[in-house]
Amino acid sequence: MTQSLEARIEQLERRLDAAESLQQIQTLKAHYGTITDRRYTGDGAAPLEQLEAIAREVSELFSEDGVWDGGERLGRCVGREAIRQRFLEPTLDFAWHFFVKPQILVDGDTASGTWDIFAPCTAPGGRAYWMTGVEHDRYVRVDGRWLHSYMKLDLVFMAPYDKSWSGKVLQR
């Protein structure tokens, strides 16, 4: 039996929405990485007035009740204001986020995904590290805009850049 033109158009519209949503979520994640990396200058954390603008911009990438969970080392925040407050205080002197291998499933106005993260970073005091982990995300579309509703980092390892990460890999 042949589908009606109307049914075919509805099917195409759903597929187009899912494809556009996937692209918008990938752009959201890239924007998150770009903004969070702006917290650092070549000399450590950015000045407070810059951090205030950056923290506000990061928090606005989350739903009102969004969750940012950095695990044991970085803490957990619930709600935009708590996320904004958290991003006012960088825990590192430098970080550069690479999000790779996205696996995203869109379901209407919600989505979930995982991203592998690789981040060279520098701790206070100047010690450089390689950090890698997996971020588990959930997303929600609010007023036509995709936002993070939940983001949790599961650390795989954090090893000094000049040493092996062998033996430092955590259970996945």
C-alpha atoms as a PDB file:
ATOM      1  CA  MET A   1       0.000   0.000   0.000  1.00  0.00           C
ATOM      2  CA  THR A   2       1.347   3.403  -0.946  1.00  0.00           C
ATOM      3  CA  GLN A   3       1.638   6.098   1.700  1.00  0.00           C
ATOM      4  CA  SER A   4      -0.408   9.215   1.182  1.00  0.00           C
ATOM      5  CA  LEU A   5       1.445  12.372   0.305  1.00  0.00           C
ATOM      6  CA  GLU A   6       0.434  13.817   3.674  1.00  0.00           C
ATOM      7  CA  ALA A   7       1.887  10.823   5.570  1.00  0.00           C
ATOM      8  CA  ARG A   8       5.120  11.020   3.571  1.00  0.00           C
ATOM      9  CA  ILE A   9       5.452  14.738   4.313  1.00  0.00           C
ATOM     10  CA  GLU A  10       4.859  14.133   8.038  1.00  0.00           C
ATOM     11  CA  GLN A  11       7.517  11.413   8.029  1.00  0.00           C
ATOM     12  CA  LEU A  12       9.984  13.684   6.228  1.00  0.00           C
ATOM     13  CA  GLU A  13       9.265  16.530   8.653  1.00  0.00           C
ATOM     14  CA  ARG A  14      10.031  14.228  11.627  1.00  0.00           C
ATOM     15  CA  ARG A  15      13.262  13.079  10.010  1.00  0.00           C
ATOM     16  CA  LEU A  16      14.274  16.651   9.177  1.00  0.00           C
ATOM     17  CA  ASP A  17      13.504  17.776  12.740  1.00  0.00           C
ATOM     18  CA  ALA A  18      15.631  14.934  14.150  1.00  0.00           C
ATOM     19  CA  ALA A  19      18.527  15.774  11.801  1.00  0.00           C
ATOM     20  CA  GLU A  20      18.345  19.491  12.606  1.00  0.00           C
ATOM     21  CA  SER A  21      18.062  18.697  16.319  1.00  0.00           C
ATOM     22  CA  LEU A  22      21.165  16.524  16.151  1.00  0.00           C
ATOM     23  CA  GLN A  23      23.103  19.363  14.516  1.00  0.00           C
ATOM     24  CA  GLN A  24      21.844  21.894  17.050  1.00  0.00           C
ATOM     25  CA  ILE A  25      22.849  19.634  19.957  1.00  0.00           C
ATOM     26  CA  GLN A  26      26.336  19.179  18.496  1.00  0.00           C
ATOM     27  CA  THR A  27      26.600  22.965  18.122  1.00  0.00           C
ATOM     28  CA  LEU A  28      25.406  23.393  21.732  1.00  0.00           C
ATOM     29  CA  LYS A  29      28.131  21.056  22.995  1.00  0.00           C
ATOM     30  CA  ALA A  30      30.823  22.773  20.925  1.00  0.00           C
ATOM     31  CA  HIS A  31      29.656  26.155  22.217  1.00  0.00           C
ATOM     32  CA  TYR A  32      29.793  24.861  25.801  1.00  0.00           C
ATOM     33  CA  GLY A  33      33.412  23.761  25.283  1.00  0.00           C
ATOM     34  CA  THR A  34      34.369  27.068  23.683  1.00  0.00           C
ATOM     35  CA  ILE A  35      32.842  29.124  26.473  1.00  0.00           C
ATOM     36  CA  THR A  36      34.311  27.059  29.297  1.00  0.00           C
ATOM     37  CA  ASP A  37      37.767  27.280  27.698  1.00  0.00           C
ATOM     38  CA  ARG A  38      37.521  31.090  27.633  1.00  0.00           C
ATOM     39  CA  ARG A  39      37.782  31.010  31.426  1.00  0.00           C
ATOM     40  CA  TYR A  40      41.531  30.643  31.036  1.00  0.00           C
ATOM     41  CA  THR A  41      44.197  32.989  29.756  1.00  0.00           C
ATOM     42  CA  GLY A  42      47.844  32.176  29.202  1.00  0.00           C
ATOM     43  CA  ASP A  43      48.405  33.284  32.806  1.00  0.00           C
ATOM     44  CA  GLY A  44      45.669  31.317  34.609  1.00  0.00           C
ATOM     45  CA  ALA A  45      42.034  32.135  35.212  1.00  0.00           C
ATOM     46  CA  ALA A  46      40.471  35.082  33.414  1.00  0.00           C
ATOM     47  CA  PRO A  47      39.747  38.248  35.427  1.00  0.00           C
ATOM     48  CA  LEU A  48      36.568  38.215  37.531  1.00  0.00           C
ATOM     49  CA  GLU A  49      34.590  40.538  35.215  1.00  0.00           C
ATOM     50  CA  GLN A  50      35.223  38.127  32.314  1.00  0.00           C
ATOM     51  CA  LEU A  51      34.434  35.113  34.496  1.00  0.00           C
ATOM     52  CA  GLU A  52      31.094  36.674  35.457  1.00  0.00           C
ATOM     53  CA  ALA A  53      30.047  37.015  31.804  1.00  0.00           C
ATOM     54  CA  ILE A  54      31.344  33.539  30.948  1.00  0.00           C
ATOM     55  CA  ALA A  55      29.611  31.929  33.950  1.00  0.00           C
ATOM     56  CA  ARG A  56      26.306  33.540  32.999  1.00  0.00           C
ATOM     57  CA  GLU A  57      26.667  32.393  29.384  1.00  0.00           C
ATOM     58  CA  VAL A  58      27.482  28.814  30.464  1.00  0.00           C
ATOM     59  CA  SER A  59      24.502  28.705  32.831  1.00  0.00           C
ATOM     60  CA  GLU A  60      22.185  29.846  30.034  1.00  0.00           C
ATOM     61  CA  LEU A  61      23.108  26.705  28.068  1.00  0.00           C
ATOM     62  CA  PHE A  62      21.226  24.706  30.723  1.00  0.00           C
ATOM     63  CA  SER A  63      17.533  24.398  31.455  1.00  0.00           C
ATOM     64  CA  GLU A  64      16.281  26.258  34.556  1.00  0.00           C
ATOM     65  CA  ASP A  65      16.522  23.027  36.581  1.00  0.00           C
ATOM     66  CA  GLY A  66      19.594  21.732  34.760  1.00  0.00           C
ATOM     67  CA  VAL A  67      22.227  19.589  36.457  1.00  0.00           C
ATOM     68  CA  TRP A  68      25.983  19.928  35.979  1.00  0.00           C
ATOM     69  CA  ASP A  69      27.818  17.030  37.638  1.00  0.00           C
ATOM     70  CA  GLY A  70      31.595  16.984  37.497  1.00  0.00           C
ATOM     71  CA  GLY A  71      31.922  13.997  39.815  1.00  0.00           C
ATOM     72  CA  GLU A  72      33.837  13.798  43.094  1.00  0.00           C
ATOM     73  CA  ARG A  73      36.618  16.148  42.021  1.00  0.00           C
ATOM     74  CA  LEU A  74      34.556  18.905  40.490  1.00  0.00           C
ATOM     75  CA  GLY A  75      31.237  18.813  42.349  1.00  0.00           C
ATOM     76  CA  ARG A  76      27.569  18.878  41.387  1.00  0.00           C
ATOM     77  CA  CYS A  77      25.243  21.842  40.786  1.00  0.00           C
ATOM     78  CA  VAL A  78      21.487  21.938  40.275  1.00  0.00           C
ATOM     79  CA  GLY A  79      19.827  24.923  38.618  1.00  0.00           C
ATOM     80  CA  ARG A  80      21.139  27.788  36.515  1.00  0.00           C
ATOM     81  CA  GLU A  81      22.143  29.952  39.451  1.00  0.00           C
ATOM     82  CA  ALA A  82      24.185  27.167  41.059  1.00  0.00           C
ATOM     83  CA  ILE A  83      25.849  26.433  37.717  1.00  0.00           C
ATOM     84  CA  ARG A  84      26.638  30.123  37.266  1.00  0.00           C
ATOM     85  CA  GLN A  85      28.179  30.256  40.735  1.00  0.00           C
ATOM     86  CA  ARG A  86      30.245  27.131  40.052  1.00  0.00           C
ATOM     87  CA  PHE A  87      31.718  28.568  36.861  1.00  0.00           C
ATOM     88  CA  LEU A  88      32.801  31.741  38.656  1.00  0.00           C
ATOM     89  CA  GLU A  89      35.515  29.720  40.384  1.00  0.00           C
ATOM     90  CA  PRO A  90      37.743  27.775  37.968  1.00  0.00           C
ATOM     91  CA  THR A  91      39.422  24.779  39.596  1.00  0.00           C
ATOM     92  CA  LEU A  92      42.250  24.787  37.054  1.00  0.00           C
ATOM     93  CA  ASP A  93      44.684  27.319  35.626  1.00  0.00           C
ATOM     94  CA  PHE A  94      44.067  26.042  32.092  1.00  0.00           C
ATOM     95  CA  ALA A  95      41.873  23.558  30.209  1.00  0.00           C
ATOM     96  CA  TRP A  96      41.017  22.905  26.599  1.00  0.00           C
ATOM     97  CA  HIS A  97      38.008  20.653  25.948  1.00  0.00           C
ATOM     98  CA  PHE A  98      37.808  18.258  23.015  1.00  0.00           C
ATOM     99  CA  PHE A  99      34.449  16.477  22.734  1.00  0.00           C
ATOM    100  CA  VAL A 100      34.537  13.505  20.368  1.00  0.00           C
ATOM    101  CA  LYS A 101      32.568  10.409  19.361  1.00  0.00           C
ATOM    102  CA  PRO A 102      29.098  11.845  19.974  1.00  0.00           C
ATOM    103  CA  GLN A 103      26.318   9.301  20.292  1.00  0.00           C
ATOM    104  CA  ILE A 104      23.057  11.240  20.383  1.00  0.00           C
ATOM    105  CA  LEU A 105      19.496   9.955  20.355  1.00  0.00           C
ATOM    106  CA  VAL A 106      16.762  12.510  19.668  1.00  0.00           C
ATOM    107  CA  ASP A 107      13.204  11.761  20.788  1.00  0.00           C
ATOM    108  CA  GLY A 108      10.933  14.700  20.022  1.00  0.00           C
ATOM    109  CA  ASP A 109      11.762  17.543  22.412  1.00  0.00           C
ATOM    110  CA  THR A 110      14.205  15.499  24.487  1.00  0.00           C
ATOM    111  CA  ALA A 111      17.483  13.827  23.665  1.00  0.00           C
ATOM    112  CA  SER A 112      20.297  11.943  25.342  1.00  0.00           C
ATOM    113  CA  GLY A 113      23.895  11.456  24.406  1.00  0.00           C
ATOM    114  CA  THR A 114      27.418  10.576  25.371  1.00  0.00           C
ATOM    115  CA  TRP A 115      30.628  12.289  24.394  1.00  0.00           C
ATOM    116  CA  ASP A 116      34.191  11.238  25.027  1.00  0.00           C
ATOM    117  CA  ILE A 117      36.165  14.146  26.402  1.00  0.00           C
ATOM    118  CA  PHE A 118      39.870  14.776  26.130  1.00  0.00           C
ATOM    119  CA  ALA A 119      41.234  17.817  27.928  1.00  0.00           C
ATOM    120  CA  PRO A 120      44.817  18.860  28.433  1.00  0.00           C
ATOM    121  CA  CYS A 121      44.772  20.949  31.581  1.00  0.00           C
ATOM    122  CA  THR A 122      46.970  22.669  34.141  1.00  0.00           C
ATOM    123  CA  ALA A 123      46.306  22.510  37.868  1.00  0.00           C
ATOM    124  CA  PRO A 124      47.024  25.393  40.198  1.00  0.00           C
ATOM    125  CA  GLY A 125      50.750  25.348  40.828  1.00  0.00           C
ATOM    126  CA  GLY A 126      51.595  24.607  37.209  1.00  0.00           C
ATOM    127  CA  ARG A 127      51.300  20.793  36.996  1.00  0.00           C
ATOM    128  CA  ALA A 128      50.035  19.783  33.521  1.00  0.00           C
ATOM    129  CA  TYR A 129      47.704  16.806  33.049  1.00  0.00           C
ATOM    130  CA  TRP A 130      45.995  14.741  30.404  1.00  0.00           C
ATOM    131  CA  MET A 131      42.373  14.209  31.341  1.00  0.00           C
ATOM    132  CA  THR A 132      39.907  11.957  29.612  1.00  0.00           C
ATOM    133  CA  GLY A 133      36.418  10.812  30.446  1.00  0.00           C
ATOM    134  CA  VAL A 134      32.881  10.339  29.213  1.00  0.00           C
ATOM    135  CA  GLU A 135      30.145  12.923  29.515  1.00  0.00           C
ATOM    136  CA  HIS A 136      26.594  11.636  29.789  1.00  0.00           C
ATOM    137  CA  ASP A 137      24.150  14.301  28.695  1.00  0.00           C
ATOM    138  CA  ARG A 138      20.420  14.825  28.482  1.00  0.00           C
ATOM    139  CA  TYR A 139      18.911  17.659  26.506  1.00  0.00           C
ATOM    140  CA  VAL A 140      15.555  19.384  26.315  1.00  0.00           C
ATOM    141  CA  ARG A 141      14.138  21.723  23.692  1.00  0.00           C
ATOM    142  CA  VAL A 142      12.699  24.842  25.308  1.00  0.00           C
ATOM    143  CA  ASP A 143      10.981  27.428  23.120  1.00  0.00           C
ATOM    144  CA  GLY A 144      12.648  25.911  20.047  1.00  0.00           C
ATOM    145  CA  ARG A 145      16.165  25.983  21.583  1.00  0.00           C
ATOM    146  CA  TRP A 146      18.108  22.922  22.701  1.00  0.00           C
ATOM    147  CA  LEU A 147      19.593  23.135  26.213  1.00  0.00           C
ATOM    148  CA  HIS A 148      21.449  20.786  28.527  1.00  0.00           C
ATOM    149  CA  SER A 149      19.136  19.390  31.191  1.00  0.00           C
ATOM    150  CA  TYR A 150      21.801  17.100  32.657  1.00  0.00           C
ATOM    151  CA  MET A 151      25.537  16.717  32.164  1.00  0.00           C
ATOM    152  CA  LYS A 152      27.683  14.259  34.122  1.00  0.00           C
ATOM    153  CA  LEU A 153      31.394  13.623  33.729  1.00  0.00           C
ATOM    154  CA  ASP A 154      32.718  10.133  34.410  1.00  0.00           C
ATOM    155  CA  LEU A 155      36.474  10.460  34.671  1.00  0.00           C
ATOM    156  CA  VAL A 156      38.483   7.707  32.975  1.00  0.00           C
ATOM    157  CA  PHE A 157      41.901   9.051  33.937  1.00  0.00           C
ATOM    158  CA  MET A 158      43.801  12.180  34.836  1.00  0.00           C
ATOM    159  CA  ALA A 159      47.546  11.686  34.519  1.00  0.00           C
ATOM    160  CA  PRO A 160      50.536  14.034  34.596  1.00  0.00           C
ATOM    161  CA  TYR A 161      51.423  14.916  31.005  1.00  0.00           C
ATOM    162  CA  ASP A 162      54.993  13.666  31.354  1.00  0.00           C
ATOM    163  CA  LYS A 163      54.054  10.314  32.902  1.00  0.00           C
ATOM    164  CA  SER A 164      52.107   7.344  31.639  1.00  0.00           C
ATOM    165  CA  TRP A 165      48.411   7.000  32.355  1.00  0.00           C
ATOM    166  CA  SER A 166      49.022   3.257  32.618  1.00  0.00           C
ATOM    167  CA  GLY A 167      47.555   2.027  35.872  1.00  0.00           C
ATOM    168  CA  LYS A 168      45.487   5.192  36.236  1.00  0.00           C
ATOM    169  CA  VAL A 169      42.565   4.085  34.094  1.00  0.00           C
ATOM    170  CA  LEU A 170      39.403   3.865  36.178  1.00  0.00           C
ATOM    171  CA  GLN A 171      36.634   1.334  35.704  1.00  0.00           C
ATOM    172  CA  ARG A 172      34.115   2.306  32.994  1.00  0.00           C
END
